[in-house]
N, C-alpha and C. Protein backbone atom coordinates (compact mmCIF):
# COMPACT_ATOMS: atom_id res chain seq x y z
N MET A 1 2.29 3.18 -47.53
CA MET A 1 1.73 1.92 -47.93
C MET A 1 0.28 2.05 -48.40
N ARG A 2 -0.13 1.41 -49.43
CA ARG A 2 -1.57 1.54 -49.90
C ARG A 2 -2.08 0.14 -50.16
N SER A 3 -3.42 0.07 -50.14
CA SER A 3 -4.06 -1.16 -50.59
C SER A 3 -5.41 -0.75 -51.13
N THR A 4 -5.92 -1.68 -51.88
CA THR A 4 -7.25 -1.35 -52.47
C THR A 4 -8.39 -2.04 -51.89
N ILE A 5 -9.38 -1.56 -51.80
CA ILE A 5 -10.72 -2.23 -51.45
C ILE A 5 -11.37 -2.80 -52.49
N THR A 6 -11.83 -4.17 -52.27
CA THR A 6 -12.45 -4.95 -53.46
C THR A 6 -13.99 -4.58 -53.37
N ALA A 7 -14.74 -5.05 -54.46
CA ALA A 7 -16.03 -4.73 -54.48
C ALA A 7 -16.82 -5.44 -53.37
N ARG A 8 -16.17 -6.54 -52.66
CA ARG A 8 -16.61 -7.27 -51.71
C ARG A 8 -16.36 -6.57 -50.17
N GLY A 9 -15.62 -5.38 -50.30
CA GLY A 9 -15.17 -4.54 -49.07
C GLY A 9 -14.09 -5.18 -48.57
N GLN A 10 -13.35 -6.06 -49.10
CA GLN A 10 -12.02 -6.70 -48.53
C GLN A 10 -10.77 -5.85 -48.93
N THR A 11 -9.65 -5.92 -48.24
CA THR A 11 -8.53 -5.38 -48.48
C THR A 11 -7.26 -6.16 -47.93
N VAL A 12 -6.04 -5.85 -48.37
CA VAL A 12 -4.99 -6.72 -48.04
C VAL A 12 -4.19 -5.97 -47.06
N VAL A 13 -3.67 -6.37 -45.98
CA VAL A 13 -2.76 -5.63 -45.10
C VAL A 13 -1.41 -5.85 -45.72
N PRO A 14 -0.67 -4.89 -45.90
CA PRO A 14 0.72 -5.04 -46.57
C PRO A 14 1.64 -5.84 -45.70
N ALA A 15 2.38 -6.64 -46.35
CA ALA A 15 3.32 -7.51 -45.76
C ALA A 15 4.41 -6.94 -44.71
N GLN A 16 4.63 -5.75 -44.98
CA GLN A 16 5.56 -5.18 -44.08
C GLN A 16 4.91 -4.74 -42.85
N ILE A 17 3.64 -4.43 -42.79
CA ILE A 17 2.95 -4.25 -41.52
C ILE A 17 2.65 -5.44 -40.75
N ARG A 18 2.22 -6.61 -41.73
CA ARG A 18 1.98 -7.80 -41.15
C ARG A 18 3.21 -8.41 -40.27
N ARG A 19 4.40 -8.35 -40.87
CA ARG A 19 5.62 -8.71 -40.16
C ARG A 19 5.94 -7.80 -38.97
N ARG A 20 5.83 -6.52 -39.11
CA ARG A 20 6.19 -5.64 -37.89
C ARG A 20 5.27 -5.97 -36.90
N PHE A 21 3.94 -6.22 -36.90
CA PHE A 21 3.03 -6.39 -35.78
C PHE A 21 2.55 -7.90 -35.70
N ASP A 22 3.41 -8.76 -36.34
CA ASP A 22 3.19 -10.10 -36.14
C ASP A 22 1.78 -10.52 -36.34
N LEU A 23 1.16 -10.04 -37.34
CA LEU A 23 -0.23 -10.51 -37.74
C LEU A 23 -0.36 -11.79 -38.48
N THR A 24 -1.19 -12.54 -38.16
CA THR A 24 -1.37 -13.94 -38.63
C THR A 24 -2.76 -14.03 -39.38
N PRO A 25 -2.86 -15.00 -40.22
CA PRO A 25 -4.16 -15.25 -40.96
C PRO A 25 -5.17 -15.42 -39.80
N ALA A 26 -6.32 -15.01 -40.05
CA ALA A 26 -7.53 -15.13 -39.25
C ALA A 26 -7.38 -14.26 -38.00
N GLN A 27 -6.35 -13.42 -37.85
CA GLN A 27 -6.30 -12.56 -36.62
C GLN A 27 -7.46 -11.46 -36.90
N ARG A 28 -8.08 -11.01 -35.75
CA ARG A 28 -9.05 -9.99 -35.87
C ARG A 28 -8.52 -8.78 -35.79
N LEU A 29 -9.12 -7.72 -36.45
CA LEU A 29 -8.70 -6.32 -36.43
C LEU A 29 -9.95 -5.45 -35.89
N GLU A 30 -9.58 -4.45 -35.21
CA GLU A 30 -10.71 -3.53 -34.81
C GLU A 30 -10.51 -2.28 -35.55
N TRP A 31 -11.55 -1.76 -36.11
CA TRP A 31 -11.62 -0.64 -36.83
C TRP A 31 -12.16 0.63 -35.90
N VAL A 32 -11.42 1.69 -35.69
CA VAL A 32 -11.88 2.76 -34.80
C VAL A 32 -11.98 4.10 -35.71
N ILE A 33 -13.09 4.81 -35.61
CA ILE A 33 -13.21 6.08 -36.29
C ILE A 33 -12.92 7.15 -35.48
N GLU A 34 -11.93 7.98 -35.76
CA GLU A 34 -11.68 9.19 -34.96
C GLU A 34 -11.54 10.42 -35.73
N ALA A 35 -12.60 11.27 -35.64
CA ALA A 35 -12.90 12.50 -36.40
C ALA A 35 -12.88 11.95 -37.85
N ASP A 36 -11.80 12.49 -38.56
CA ASP A 36 -11.63 12.28 -40.08
C ASP A 36 -10.58 11.12 -40.38
N CYS A 37 -10.47 10.19 -39.36
CA CYS A 37 -9.37 9.42 -39.34
C CYS A 37 -9.81 7.90 -39.09
N ILE A 38 -9.24 6.90 -39.64
CA ILE A 38 -9.51 5.51 -39.36
C ILE A 38 -8.32 4.79 -38.72
N ARG A 39 -8.54 4.22 -37.59
CA ARG A 39 -7.30 3.57 -36.90
C ARG A 39 -7.57 2.00 -37.13
N VAL A 40 -6.72 1.18 -37.36
CA VAL A 40 -6.98 -0.19 -37.39
C VAL A 40 -6.05 -0.90 -36.30
N ILE A 41 -6.73 -1.54 -35.37
CA ILE A 41 -5.97 -2.10 -34.21
C ILE A 41 -6.08 -3.55 -34.17
N PRO A 42 -5.10 -4.29 -34.13
CA PRO A 42 -5.08 -5.86 -33.86
C PRO A 42 -5.86 -6.19 -32.60
N VAL A 43 -6.62 -7.11 -32.65
CA VAL A 43 -7.25 -7.52 -31.35
C VAL A 43 -6.49 -8.70 -30.81
N CYS A 44 -6.02 -8.62 -29.59
CA CYS A 44 -5.28 -9.45 -28.78
C CYS A 44 -6.22 -10.69 -28.42
N GLU A 45 -5.75 -11.83 -28.60
CA GLU A 45 -6.62 -13.09 -28.20
C GLU A 45 -6.65 -13.22 -26.68
N ASP A 46 -5.56 -12.75 -25.99
CA ASP A 46 -5.64 -12.93 -24.53
C ASP A 46 -6.28 -11.61 -23.90
N PRO A 47 -7.51 -11.63 -23.24
CA PRO A 47 -8.17 -10.52 -22.89
C PRO A 47 -7.35 -9.74 -21.76
N VAL A 48 -6.57 -10.40 -20.90
CA VAL A 48 -5.84 -9.68 -19.99
C VAL A 48 -4.78 -8.82 -20.71
N GLN A 49 -4.08 -9.43 -21.63
CA GLN A 49 -3.04 -8.58 -22.26
C GLN A 49 -3.68 -7.59 -23.01
N ALA A 50 -4.94 -7.61 -23.49
CA ALA A 50 -5.64 -6.72 -24.37
C ALA A 50 -5.88 -5.40 -23.45
N PHE A 51 -6.11 -5.59 -22.16
CA PHE A 51 -6.40 -4.35 -21.38
C PHE A 51 -5.15 -3.95 -20.66
N ARG A 52 -3.96 -4.50 -20.79
CA ARG A 52 -2.75 -4.08 -20.29
C ARG A 52 -2.33 -2.70 -20.89
N GLY A 53 -2.09 -1.75 -19.90
CA GLY A 53 -1.62 -0.41 -20.22
C GLY A 53 -2.82 0.46 -20.60
N GLN A 54 -4.09 0.09 -20.41
CA GLN A 54 -5.20 0.77 -20.78
C GLN A 54 -5.67 1.81 -19.63
N GLY A 55 -5.28 1.49 -18.41
CA GLY A 55 -5.48 2.34 -17.13
C GLY A 55 -4.67 3.59 -17.09
N LYS A 56 -4.96 4.33 -16.05
CA LYS A 56 -4.21 5.46 -15.74
C LYS A 56 -3.02 5.29 -14.92
N GLY A 57 -2.83 4.01 -14.52
CA GLY A 57 -1.87 3.74 -13.52
C GLY A 57 -2.14 4.02 -12.16
N GLY A 58 -1.52 3.30 -11.26
CA GLY A 58 -1.68 3.66 -9.71
C GLY A 58 -3.08 3.11 -9.37
N ALA A 59 -3.50 2.27 -9.86
CA ALA A 59 -4.96 1.72 -9.62
C ALA A 59 -4.93 1.04 -8.17
N THR A 60 -3.86 0.39 -7.79
CA THR A 60 -3.84 -0.17 -6.56
C THR A 60 -3.89 0.83 -5.43
N ALA A 61 -2.97 1.87 -5.57
CA ALA A 61 -2.91 3.00 -4.57
C ALA A 61 -4.36 3.81 -4.52
N ARG A 62 -5.00 3.80 -5.51
CA ARG A 62 -6.35 4.55 -5.68
C ARG A 62 -7.35 3.70 -4.99
N LEU A 63 -7.22 2.29 -5.09
CA LEU A 63 -8.08 1.43 -4.49
C LEU A 63 -7.95 1.48 -3.02
N LEU A 64 -6.69 1.42 -2.51
CA LEU A 64 -6.43 1.38 -1.02
C LEU A 64 -6.91 2.70 -0.43
N ASP A 65 -6.66 3.75 -1.11
CA ASP A 65 -7.02 5.10 -0.66
C ASP A 65 -8.49 5.23 -0.42
N THR A 66 -9.41 4.68 -1.48
CA THR A 66 -10.70 4.74 -1.36
C THR A 66 -11.27 3.83 -0.26
N ARG A 67 -10.64 2.69 -0.16
CA ARG A 67 -11.02 1.83 1.02
C ARG A 67 -10.80 2.50 2.35
N LYS A 68 -9.63 3.22 2.51
CA LYS A 68 -9.35 3.88 3.66
C LYS A 68 -10.27 4.89 4.01
N GLN A 69 -10.75 5.60 2.98
CA GLN A 69 -11.78 6.72 3.20
C GLN A 69 -13.04 6.07 3.56
N ASP A 70 -13.43 5.03 2.91
CA ASP A 70 -14.76 4.36 3.30
C ASP A 70 -14.66 3.90 4.81
N ARG A 71 -13.51 3.31 5.24
CA ARG A 71 -13.34 2.97 6.66
C ARG A 71 -13.59 4.20 7.57
N ALA A 72 -13.01 5.26 7.34
CA ALA A 72 -13.19 6.47 8.01
C ALA A 72 -14.50 7.00 8.26
N ARG A 73 -15.44 6.78 6.99
CA ARG A 73 -16.74 7.17 7.13
C ARG A 73 -17.59 6.37 8.11
N GLU A 74 -17.22 5.19 8.29
CA GLU A 74 -17.97 4.21 8.96
C GLU A 74 -18.05 4.51 10.46
């Protein structure tokens, strides 16, 4: 799929992409530069949902282990 950038720097997100990712008017997009590539990521309105899945996993176990180590040092 392709779109054109206007003189004002605007472009259109193709309808197939809007439908697949449930993009709505006025939804914000984040542009990320990676080496020679540009990624466009929809910004989630719910801040908790936006961070879901970003961690390494096992955060609770790591936290409890760290606290256990802290208590042992005391």
